[in-house]
Amino acid sequence: MTQLGRALAKLNIEILCANSSQAKGRVERANRTLQDRLVKELMLEGITTIATANAHLPDIMARFNGRFACSPARPGDLHRPLKITLSRLNNIWWAMV
């Protein structure tokens, strides 16, 4: 078991892997789209430095999200509450480092 696996087991968190090709493909398509689109957006705007790119990134992200974003099927907060105190969590974390 990996360190991450041991930490998640101690925190009672189940690892859910995307074993379906549909789930993996969705993420890979999004990443490929972002990588491809970002380079082209920067070139079209004549951006050649990292500092300038970082300054324009919020605008580029807003345009991308406006075009491709969709609302979640269940918009509420689906996080489960921790069944462990933060001090215990901190002790587990430092024991693993």
PDB file of N, CA and C in Angstrom:
ATOM      1  N   MET A   1       0.856  -1.185   0.000  1.00  0.00           N
ATOM      2  CA  MET A   1       0.000   0.000   0.000  1.00  0.00           C
ATOM      3  C   MET A   1       0.898   1.242   0.000  1.00  0.00           C
ATOM      4  N   THR A   2       0.537   2.222  -0.763  1.00  0.00           N
ATOM      5  CA  THR A   2       1.312   3.458  -0.843  1.00  0.00           C
ATOM      6  C   THR A   2       1.077   4.314   0.396  1.00  0.00           C
ATOM      7  N   GLN A   3       1.915   5.346   0.570  1.00  0.00           N
ATOM      8  CA  GLN A   3       1.712   6.264   1.692  1.00  0.00           C
ATOM      9  C   GLN A   3       0.345   6.928   1.613  1.00  0.00           C
ATOM     10  N   LEU A   4      -0.042   7.315   0.421  1.00  0.00           N
ATOM     11  CA  LEU A   4      -1.352   7.932   0.239  1.00  0.00           C
ATOM     12  C   LEU A   4      -2.446   6.951   0.628  1.00  0.00           C
ATOM     13  N   GLY A   5      -2.321   5.710   0.201  1.00  0.00           N
ATOM     14  CA  GLY A   5      -3.308   4.693   0.543  1.00  0.00           C
ATOM     15  C   GLY A   5      -3.410   4.475   2.046  1.00  0.00           C
ATOM     16  N   ARG A   6      -2.264   4.447   2.734  1.00  0.00           N
ATOM     17  CA  ARG A   6      -2.277   4.276   4.195  1.00  0.00           C
ATOM     18  C   ARG A   6      -2.935   5.470   4.870  1.00  0.00           C
ATOM     19  N   ALA A   7      -2.619   6.677   4.405  1.00  0.00           N
ATOM     20  CA  ALA A   7      -3.212   7.879   5.008  1.00  0.00           C
ATOM     21  C   ALA A   7      -4.723   7.882   4.815  1.00  0.00           C
ATOM     22  N   LEU A   8      -5.166   7.554   3.611  1.00  0.00           N
ATOM     23  CA  LEU A   8      -6.605   7.537   3.343  1.00  0.00           C
ATOM     24  C   LEU A   8      -7.306   6.452   4.153  1.00  0.00           C
ATOM     25  N   ALA A   9      -6.651   5.303   4.329  1.00  0.00           N
ATOM     26  CA  ALA A   9      -7.235   4.227   5.133  1.00  0.00           C
ATOM     27  C   ALA A   9      -7.394   4.670   6.583  1.00  0.00           C
ATOM     28  N   LYS A  10      -6.390   5.359   7.123  1.00  0.00           N
ATOM     29  CA  LYS A  10      -6.486   5.842   8.512  1.00  0.00           C
ATOM     30  C   LYS A  10      -7.592   6.874   8.671  1.00  0.00           C
ATOM     31  N   LEU A  11      -7.856   7.629   7.611  1.00  0.00           N
ATOM     32  CA  LEU A  11      -8.891   8.654   7.657  1.00  0.00           C
ATOM     33  C   LEU A  11     -10.254   8.116   7.240  1.00  0.00           C
ATOM     34  N   ASN A  12     -10.315   6.823   6.959  1.00  0.00           N
ATOM     35  CA  ASN A  12     -11.555   6.176   6.544  1.00  0.00           C
ATOM     36  C   ASN A  12     -12.092   6.782   5.235  1.00  0.00           C
ATOM     37  N   ILE A  13     -11.162   6.998   4.298  1.00  0.00           N
ATOM     38  CA  ILE A  13     -11.528   7.538   2.991  1.00  0.00           C
ATOM     39  C   ILE A  13     -11.291   6.453   1.962  1.00  0.00           C
ATOM     40  N   GLU A  14     -12.301   6.149   1.174  1.00  0.00           N
ATOM     41  CA  GLU A  14     -12.202   5.123   0.152  1.00  0.00           C
ATOM     42  C   GLU A  14     -11.691   5.736  -1.143  1.00  0.00           C
ATOM     43  N   ILE A  15     -10.708   5.074  -1.746  1.00  0.00           N
ATOM     44  CA  ILE A  15     -10.178   5.534  -3.029  1.00  0.00           C
ATOM     45  C   ILE A  15     -11.118   5.059  -4.130  1.00  0.00           C
ATOM     46  N   LEU A  16     -11.572   5.988  -4.949  1.00  0.00           N
ATOM     47  CA  LEU A  16     -12.419   5.647  -6.083  1.00  0.00           C
ATOM     48  C   LEU A  16     -11.649   5.976  -7.356  1.00  0.00           C
ATOM     49  N   CYS A  17     -11.231   4.970  -8.068  1.00  0.00           N
ATOM     50  CA  CYS A  17     -10.481   5.168  -9.301  1.00  0.00           C
ATOM     51  C   CYS A  17     -11.431   5.181 -10.495  1.00  0.00           C
ATOM     52  N   ALA A  18     -11.083   5.976 -11.466  1.00  0.00           N
ATOM     53  CA  ALA A  18     -11.885   6.018 -12.688  1.00  0.00           C
ATOM     54  C   ALA A  18     -11.460   4.860 -13.575  1.00  0.00           C
ATOM     55  N   ASN A  19     -12.136   3.740 -13.427  1.00  0.00           N
ATOM     56  CA  ASN A  19     -11.768   2.550 -14.189  1.00  0.00           C
ATOM     57  C   ASN A  19     -12.450   2.473 -15.546  1.00  0.00           C
ATOM     58  N   SER A  20     -13.419   3.323 -15.779  1.00  0.00           N
ATOM     59  CA  SER A  20     -14.112   3.282 -17.057  1.00  0.00           C
ATOM     60  C   SER A  20     -13.401   4.167 -18.081  1.00  0.00           C
ATOM     61  N   SER A  21     -13.396   3.722 -19.304  1.00  0.00           N
ATOM     62  CA  SER A  21     -12.762   4.519 -20.354  1.00  0.00           C
ATOM     63  C   SER A  21     -13.487   5.842 -20.558  1.00  0.00           C
ATOM     64  N   GLN A  22     -14.806   5.848 -20.283  1.00  0.00           N
ATOM     65  CA  GLN A  22     -15.569   7.088 -20.441  1.00  0.00           C
ATOM     66  C   GLN A  22     -15.082   8.148 -19.459  1.00  0.00           C
ATOM     67  N   ALA A  23     -14.874   7.757 -18.203  1.00  0.00           N
ATOM     68  CA  ALA A  23     -14.429   8.715 -17.192  1.00  0.00           C
ATOM     69  C   ALA A  23     -13.020   9.205 -17.498  1.00  0.00           C
ATOM     70  N   LYS A  24     -12.138   8.301 -17.861  1.00  0.00           N
ATOM     71  CA  LYS A  24     -10.771   8.683 -18.188  1.00  0.00           C
ATOM     72  C   LYS A  24     -10.746   9.574 -19.428  1.00  0.00           C
ATOM     73  N   GLY A  25     -11.532   9.232 -20.413  1.00  0.00           N
ATOM     74  CA  GLY A  25     -11.556  10.007 -21.649  1.00  0.00           C
ATOM     75  C   GLY A  25     -12.042  11.420 -21.436  1.00  0.00           C
ATOM     76  N   ARG A  26     -13.012  11.591 -20.555  1.00  0.00           N
ATOM     77  CA  ARG A  26     -13.556  12.920 -20.286  1.00  0.00           C
ATOM     78  C   ARG A  26     -12.467  13.831 -19.725  1.00  0.00           C
ATOM     79  N   VAL A  27     -11.691  13.316 -18.784  1.00  0.00           N
ATOM     80  CA  VAL A  27     -10.620  14.110 -18.174  1.00  0.00           C
ATOM     81  C   VAL A  27      -9.520  14.379 -19.190  1.00  0.00           C
ATOM     82  N   GLU A  28      -9.131  13.342 -19.924  1.00  0.00           N
ATOM     83  CA  GLU A  28      -8.067  13.505 -20.907  1.00  0.00           C
ATOM     84  C   GLU A  28      -8.465  14.484 -22.002  1.00  0.00           C
ATOM     85  N   ARG A  29      -9.715  14.428 -22.451  1.00  0.00           N
ATOM     86  CA  ARG A  29     -10.177  15.378 -23.469  1.00  0.00           C
ATOM     87  C   ARG A  29     -10.122  16.801 -22.936  1.00  0.00           C
ATOM     88  N   ALA A  30     -10.553  16.996 -21.694  1.00  0.00           N
ATOM     89  CA  ALA A  30     -10.537  18.338 -21.114  1.00  0.00           C
ATOM     90  C   ALA A  30      -9.104  18.857 -21.003  1.00  0.00           C
ATOM     91  N   ASN A  31      -8.182  18.010 -20.536  1.00  0.00           N
ATOM     92  CA  ASN A  31      -6.796  18.445 -20.406  1.00  0.00           C
ATOM     93  C   ASN A  31      -6.182  18.753 -21.764  1.00  0.00           C
ATOM     94  N   ARG A  32      -6.455  17.916 -22.744  1.00  0.00           N
ATOM     95  CA  ARG A  32      -5.910  18.153 -24.085  1.00  0.00           C
ATOM     96  C   ARG A  32      -6.477  19.455 -24.658  1.00  0.00           C
ATOM     97  N   THR A  33      -7.765  19.681 -24.446  1.00  0.00           N
ATOM     98  CA  THR A  33      -8.391  20.908 -24.926  1.00  0.00           C
ATOM     99  C   THR A  33      -7.757  22.119 -24.266  1.00  0.00           C
ATOM    100  N   LEU A  34      -7.580  22.047 -22.951  1.00  0.00           N
ATOM    101  CA  LEU A  34      -6.986  23.173 -22.230  1.00  0.00           C
ATOM    102  C   LEU A  34      -5.561  23.439 -22.697  1.00  0.00           C
ATOM    103  N   GLN A  35      -4.764  22.374 -22.801  1.00  0.00           N
ATOM    104  CA  GLN A  35      -3.373  22.557 -23.211  1.00  0.00           C
ATOM    105  C   GLN A  35      -3.282  23.134 -24.618  1.00  0.00           C
ATOM    106  N   ASP A  36      -4.063  22.595 -25.519  1.00  0.00           N
ATOM    107  CA  ASP A  36      -4.027  23.053 -26.902  1.00  0.00           C
ATOM    108  C   ASP A  36      -4.555  24.473 -27.016  1.00  0.00           C
ATOM    109  N   ARG A  37      -5.663  24.746 -26.362  1.00  0.00           N
ATOM    110  CA  ARG A  37      -6.316  26.038 -26.465  1.00  0.00           C
ATOM    111  C   ARG A  37      -5.487  27.152 -25.807  1.00  0.00           C
ATOM    112  N   LEU A  38      -4.854  26.831 -24.673  1.00  0.00           N
ATOM    113  CA  LEU A  38      -4.087  27.853 -23.960  1.00  0.00           C
ATOM    114  C   LEU A  38      -2.933  28.357 -24.811  1.00  0.00           C
ATOM    115  N   VAL A  39      -2.202  27.458 -25.431  1.00  0.00           N
ATOM    116  CA  VAL A  39      -1.075  27.859 -26.274  1.00  0.00           C
ATOM    117  C   VAL A  39      -1.560  28.754 -27.414  1.00  0.00           C
ATOM    118  N   LYS A  40      -2.659  28.364 -28.050  1.00  0.00           N
ATOM    119  CA  LYS A  40      -3.185  29.153 -29.168  1.00  0.00           C
ATOM    120  C   LYS A  40      -3.697  30.511 -28.705  1.00  0.00           C
ATOM    121  N   GLU A  41      -4.360  30.540 -27.558  1.00  0.00           N
ATOM    122  CA  GLU A  41      -4.859  31.824 -27.022  1.00  0.00           C
ATOM    123  C   GLU A  41      -3.691  32.775 -26.751  1.00  0.00           C
ATOM    124  N   LEU A  42      -2.634  32.250 -26.144  1.00  0.00           N
ATOM    125  CA  LEU A  42      -1.469  33.086 -25.845  1.00  0.00           C
ATOM    126  C   LEU A  42      -0.821  33.596 -27.130  1.00  0.00           C
ATOM    127  N   MET A  43      -0.720  32.739 -28.131  1.00  0.00           N
ATOM    128  CA  MET A  43      -0.129  33.167 -29.405  1.00  0.00           C
ATOM    129  C   MET A  43      -0.987  34.231 -30.080  1.00  0.00           C
ATOM    130  N   LEU A  44      -2.304  34.041 -30.086  1.00  0.00           N
ATOM    131  CA  LEU A  44      -3.202  35.010 -30.728  1.00  0.00           C
ATOM    132  C   LEU A  44      -3.125  36.378 -30.064  1.00  0.00           C
ATOM    133  N   GLU A  45      -2.905  36.391 -28.757  1.00  0.00           N
ATOM    134  CA  GLU A  45      -2.833  37.667 -28.038  1.00  0.00           C
ATOM    135  C   GLU A  45      -1.417  38.229 -28.002  1.00  0.00           C
ATOM    136  N   GLY A  46      -0.475  37.547 -28.628  1.00  0.00           N
ATOM    137  CA  GLY A  46       0.905  38.030 -28.685  1.00  0.00           C
ATOM    138  C   GLY A  46       1.627  37.981 -27.351  1.00  0.00           C
ATOM    139  N   ILE A  47       1.236  37.061 -26.498  1.00  0.00           N
ATOM    140  CA  ILE A  47       1.839  36.943 -25.169  1.00  0.00           C
ATOM    141  C   ILE A  47       3.054  36.037 -25.268  1.00  0.00           C
ATOM    142  N   THR A  48       4.204  36.575 -24.799  1.00  0.00           N
ATOM    143  CA  THR A  48       5.451  35.827 -24.926  1.00  0.00           C
ATOM    144  C   THR A  48       6.172  35.602 -23.602  1.00  0.00           C
ATOM    145  N   THR A  49       5.689  36.198 -22.522  1.00  0.00           N
ATOM    146  CA  THR A  49       6.361  36.019 -21.230  1.00  0.00           C
ATOM    147  C   THR A  49       5.404  35.375 -20.229  1.00  0.00           C
ATOM    148  N   ILE A  50       5.980  34.714 -19.247  1.00  0.00           N
ATOM    149  CA  ILE A  50       5.168  34.060 -18.220  1.00  0.00           C
ATOM    150  C   ILE A  50       4.399  35.099 -17.405  1.00  0.00           C
ATOM    151  N   ALA A  51       5.033  36.216 -17.094  1.00  0.00           N
ATOM    152  CA  ALA A  51       4.366  37.254 -16.300  1.00  0.00           C
ATOM    153  C   ALA A  51       3.129  37.789 -17.026  1.00  0.00           C
ATOM    154  N   THR A  52       3.256  38.043 -18.318  1.00  0.00           N
ATOM    155  CA  THR A  52       2.124  38.535 -19.101  1.00  0.00           C
ATOM    156  C   THR A  52       1.045  37.456 -19.215  1.00  0.00           C
ATOM    157  N   ALA A  53       1.478  36.210 -19.398  1.00  0.00           N
ATOM    158  CA  ALA A  53       0.517  35.104 -19.477  1.00  0.00           C
ATOM    159  C   ALA A  53      -0.267  34.980 -18.173  1.00  0.00           C
ATOM    160  N   ASN A  54       0.419  35.069 -17.043  1.00  0.00           N
ATOM    161  CA  ASN A  54      -0.261  34.987 -15.750  1.00  0.00           C
ATOM    162  C   ASN A  54      -1.253  36.125 -15.564  1.00  0.00           C
ATOM    163  N   ALA A  55      -0.930  37.296 -16.080  1.00  0.00           N
ATOM    164  CA  ALA A  55      -1.840  38.437 -15.967  1.00  0.00           C
ATOM    165  C   ALA A  55      -3.098  38.230 -16.814  1.00  0.00           C
ATOM    166  N   HIS A  56      -2.966  37.581 -17.965  1.00  0.00           N
ATOM    167  CA  HIS A  56      -4.102  37.357 -18.866  1.00  0.00           C
ATOM    168  C   HIS A  56      -4.866  36.076 -18.581  1.00  0.00           C
ATOM    169  N   LEU A  57      -4.309  35.203 -17.761  1.00  0.00           N
ATOM    170  CA  LEU A  57      -4.925  33.901 -17.523  1.00  0.00           C
ATOM    171  C   LEU A  57      -6.356  33.982 -16.987  1.00  0.00           C
ATOM    172  N   PRO A  58      -6.682  34.880 -16.046  1.00  0.00           N
ATOM    173  CA  PRO A  58      -8.080  34.947 -15.585  1.00  0.00           C
ATOM    174  C   PRO A  58      -9.073  35.238 -16.713  1.00  0.00           C
ATOM    175  N   ASP A  59      -8.711  36.102 -17.648  1.00  0.00           N
ATOM    176  CA  ASP A  59      -9.597  36.406 -18.776  1.00  0.00           C
ATOM    177  C   ASP A  59      -9.759  35.191 -19.689  1.00  0.00           C
ATOM    178  N   ILE A  60      -8.658  34.504 -19.948  1.00  0.00           N
ATOM    179  CA  ILE A  60      -8.703  33.321 -20.812  1.00  0.00           C
ATOM    180  C   ILE A  60      -9.558  32.242 -20.157  1.00  0.00           C
ATOM    181  N   MET A  61      -9.397  32.043 -18.844  1.00  0.00           N
ATOM    182  CA  MET A  61     -10.180  31.039 -18.123  1.00  0.00           C
ATOM    183  C   MET A  61     -11.664  31.391 -18.130  1.00  0.00           C
ATOM    184  N   ALA A  62     -11.975  32.674 -17.968  1.00  0.00           N
ATOM    185  CA  ALA A  62     -13.382  33.093 -17.960  1.00  0.00           C
ATOM    186  C   ALA A  62     -14.032  32.812 -19.321  1.00  0.00           C
ATOM    187  N   ARG A  63     -13.318  33.091 -20.396  1.00  0.00           N
ATOM    188  CA  ARG A  63     -13.856  32.810 -21.732  1.00  0.00           C
ATOM    189  C   ARG A  63     -14.035  31.307 -21.949  1.00  0.00           C
ATOM    190  N   PHE A  64     -13.038  30.531 -21.525  1.00  0.00           N
ATOM    191  CA  PHE A  64     -13.121  29.075 -21.679  1.00  0.00           C
ATOM    192  C   PHE A  64     -14.307  28.523 -20.883  1.00  0.00           C
ATOM    193  N   ASN A  65     -14.426  28.928 -19.620  1.00  0.00           N
ATOM    194  CA  ASN A  65     -15.520  28.441 -18.777  1.00  0.00           C
ATOM    195  C   ASN A  65     -16.876  28.889 -19.303  1.00  0.00           C
ATOM    196  N   GLY A  66     -16.949  30.102 -19.842  1.00  0.00           N
ATOM    197  CA  GLY A  66     -18.203  30.576 -20.411  1.00  0.00           C
ATOM    198  C   GLY A  66     -18.652  29.736 -21.592  1.00  0.00           C
ATOM    199  N   ARG A  67     -17.689  29.200 -22.309  1.00  0.00           N
ATOM    200  CA  ARG A  67     -18.031  28.403 -23.489  1.00  0.00           C
ATOM    201  C   ARG A  67     -18.272  26.927 -23.160  1.00  0.00           C
ATOM    202  N   PHE A  68     -17.483  26.360 -22.231  1.00  0.00           N
ATOM    203  CA  PHE A  68     -17.518  24.917 -22.030  1.00  0.00           C
ATOM    204  C   PHE A  68     -18.077  24.455 -20.685  1.00  0.00           C
ATOM    205  N   ALA A  69     -18.225  25.330 -19.720  1.00  0.00           N
ATOM    206  CA  ALA A  69     -18.659  24.905 -18.380  1.00  0.00           C
ATOM    207  C   ALA A  69     -20.122  24.467 -18.400  1.00  0.00           C
ATOM    208  N   CYS A  70     -20.439  23.531 -17.522  1.00  0.00           N
ATOM    209  CA  CYS A  70     -21.831  23.119 -17.357  1.00  0.00           C
ATOM    210  C   CYS A  70     -22.114  22.967 -15.863  1.00  0.00           C
ATOM    211  N   SER A  71     -23.364  23.109 -15.501  1.00  0.00           N
ATOM    212  CA  SER A  71     -23.744  23.038 -14.092  1.00  0.00           C
ATOM    213  C   SER A  71     -23.664  21.592 -13.603  1.00  0.00           C
ATOM    214  N   PRO A  72     -23.302  21.397 -12.326  1.00  0.00           N
ATOM    215  CA  PRO A  72     -23.252  20.038 -11.796  1.00  0.00           C
ATOM    216  C   PRO A  72     -24.649  19.445 -11.668  1.00  0.00           C
ATOM    217  N   ALA A  73     -24.728  18.125 -11.756  1.00  0.00           N
ATOM    218  CA  ALA A  73     -26.021  17.445 -11.626  1.00  0.00           C
ATOM    219  C   ALA A  73     -26.602  17.628 -10.227  1.00  0.00           C
ATOM    220  N   ARG A  74     -25.734  17.632  -9.229  1.00  0.00           N
ATOM    221  CA  ARG A  74     -26.163  17.840  -7.842  1.00  0.00           C
ATOM    222  C   ARG A  74     -25.350  18.999  -7.278  1.00  0.00           C
ATOM    223  N   PRO A  75     -25.894  20.203  -7.263  1.00  0.00           N
ATOM    224  CA  PRO A  75     -25.113  21.395  -6.920  1.00  0.00           C
ATOM    225  C   PRO A  75     -24.752  21.543  -5.442  1.00  0.00           C
ATOM    226  N   GLY A  76     -25.353  20.768  -4.559  1.00  0.00           N
ATOM    227  CA  GLY A  76     -25.055  20.912  -3.136  1.00  0.00           C
ATOM    228  C   GLY A  76     -23.671  20.401  -2.765  1.00  0.00           C
ATOM    229  N   ASP A  77     -23.240  20.675  -1.554  1.00  0.00           N
ATOM    230  CA  ASP A  77     -21.959  20.214  -1.034  1.00  0.00           C
ATOM    231  C   ASP A  77     -22.085  18.734  -0.678  1.00  0.00           C
ATOM    232  N   LEU A  78     -21.343  17.883  -1.350  1.00  0.00           N
ATOM    233  CA  LEU A  78     -21.440  16.447  -1.140  1.00  0.00           C
ATOM    234  C   LEU A  78     -20.291  15.892  -0.298  1.00  0.00           C
ATOM    235  N   HIS A  79     -19.495  16.777   0.312  1.00  0.00           N
ATOM    236  CA  HIS A  79     -18.414  16.317   1.175  1.00  0.00           C
ATOM    237  C   HIS A  79     -18.982  15.685   2.439  1.00  0.00           C
ATOM    238  N   ARG A  80     -18.364  14.584   2.862  1.00  0.00           N
ATOM    239  CA  ARG A  80     -18.768  13.955   4.113  1.00  0.00           C
ATOM    240  C   ARG A  80     -18.000  14.610   5.256  1.00  0.00           C
ATOM    241  N   PRO A  81     -18.625  14.740   6.426  1.00  0.00           N
ATOM    242  CA  PRO A  81     -17.892  15.321   7.557  1.00  0.00           C
ATOM    243  C   PRO A  81     -16.791  14.370   8.032  1.00  0.00           C
ATOM    244  N   LEU A  82     -15.703  14.938   8.530  1.00  0.00           N
ATOM    245  CA  LEU A  82     -14.618  14.131   9.062  1.00  0.00           C
ATOM    246  C   LEU A  82     -15.069  13.413  10.324  1.00  0.00           C
ATOM    247  N   LYS A  83     -14.657  12.157  10.453  1.00  0.00           N
ATOM    248  CA  LYS A  83     -14.978  11.401  11.661  1.00  0.00           C
ATOM    249  C   LYS A  83     -13.752  11.337  12.561  1.00  0.00           C
ATOM    250  N   ILE A  84     -12.903  12.348  12.468  1.00  0.00           N
ATOM    251  CA  ILE A  84     -11.670  12.397  13.228  1.00  0.00           C
ATOM    252  C   ILE A  84     -11.407  13.856  13.609  1.00  0.00           C
ATOM    253  N   THR A  85     -10.848  14.078  14.776  1.00  0.00           N
ATOM    254  CA  THR A  85     -10.570  15.458  15.180  1.00  0.00           C
ATOM    255  C   THR A  85      -9.380  15.992  14.388  1.00  0.00           C
ATOM    256  N   LEU A  86      -9.318  17.292  14.264  1.00  0.00           N
ATOM    257  CA  LEU A  86      -8.226  17.897  13.513  1.00  0.00           C
ATOM    258  C   LEU A  86      -6.879  17.634  14.169  1.00  0.00           C
ATOM    259  N   SER A  87      -6.826  17.579  15.504  1.00  0.00           N
ATOM    260  CA  SER A  87      -5.557  17.299  16.178  1.00  0.00           C
ATOM    261  C   SER A  87      -5.082  15.879  15.853  1.00  0.00           C
ATOM    262  N   ARG A  88      -6.017  14.919  15.807  1.00  0.00           N
ATOM    263  CA  ARG A  88      -5.653  13.535  15.450  1.00  0.00           C
ATOM    264  C   ARG A  88      -5.196  13.476  13.991  1.00  0.00           C
ATOM    265  N   LEU A  89      -5.873  14.205  13.135  1.00  0.00           N
ATOM    266  CA  LEU A  89      -5.491  14.278  11.733  1.00  0.00           C
ATOM    267  C   LEU A  89      -4.072  14.827  11.602  1.00  0.00           C
ATOM    268  N   ASN A  90      -3.781  15.861  12.354  1.00  0.00           N
ATOM    269  CA  ASN A  90      -2.456  16.465  12.339  1.00  0.00           C
ATOM    270  C   ASN A  90      -1.403  15.461  12.794  1.00  0.00           C
ATOM    271  N   ASN A  91      -1.711  14.679  13.840  1.00  0.00           N
ATOM    272  CA  ASN A  91      -0.767  13.666  14.324  1.00  0.00           C
ATOM    273  C   ASN A  91      -0.515  12.597  13.274  1.00  0.00           C
ATOM    274  N   ILE A  92      -1.554  12.174  12.574  1.00  0.00           N
ATOM    275  CA  ILE A  92      -1.400  11.171  11.519  1.00  0.00           C
ATOM    276  C   ILE A  92      -0.525  11.731  10.410  1.00  0.00           C
ATOM    277  N   TRP A  93      -0.785  12.982  10.033  1.00  0.00           N
ATOM    278  CA  TRP A  93      -0.024  13.598   8.960  1.00  0.00           C
ATOM    279  C   TRP A  93       1.456  13.644   9.299  1.00  0.00           C
ATOM    280  N   TRP A  94       1.786  14.125  10.500  1.00  0.00           N
ATOM    281  CA  TRP A  94       3.199  14.275  10.853  1.00  0.00           C
ATOM    282  C   TRP A  94       3.876  12.933  11.078  1.00  0.00           C
ATOM    283  N   ALA A  95       3.120  11.917  11.451  1.00  0.00           N
ATOM    284  CA  ALA A  95       3.714  10.577  11.611  1.00  0.00           C
ATOM    285  C   ALA A  95       4.122  10.003  10.270  1.00  0.00           C
ATOM    286  N   MET A  96       3.471  10.437   9.203  1.00  0.00           N
ATOM    287  CA  MET A  96       3.771   9.896   7.880  1.00  0.00           C
ATOM    288  C   MET A  96       4.874  10.669   7.162  1.00  0.00           C
ATOM    289  N   VAL A  97       5.148  11.878   7.607  1.00  0.00           N
ATOM    290  CA  VAL A  97       6.142  12.709   6.906  1.00  0.00           C
ATOM    291  C   VAL A  97       7.542  12.302   7.257  1.00  0.00           C
TER     292      VAL A  97
END
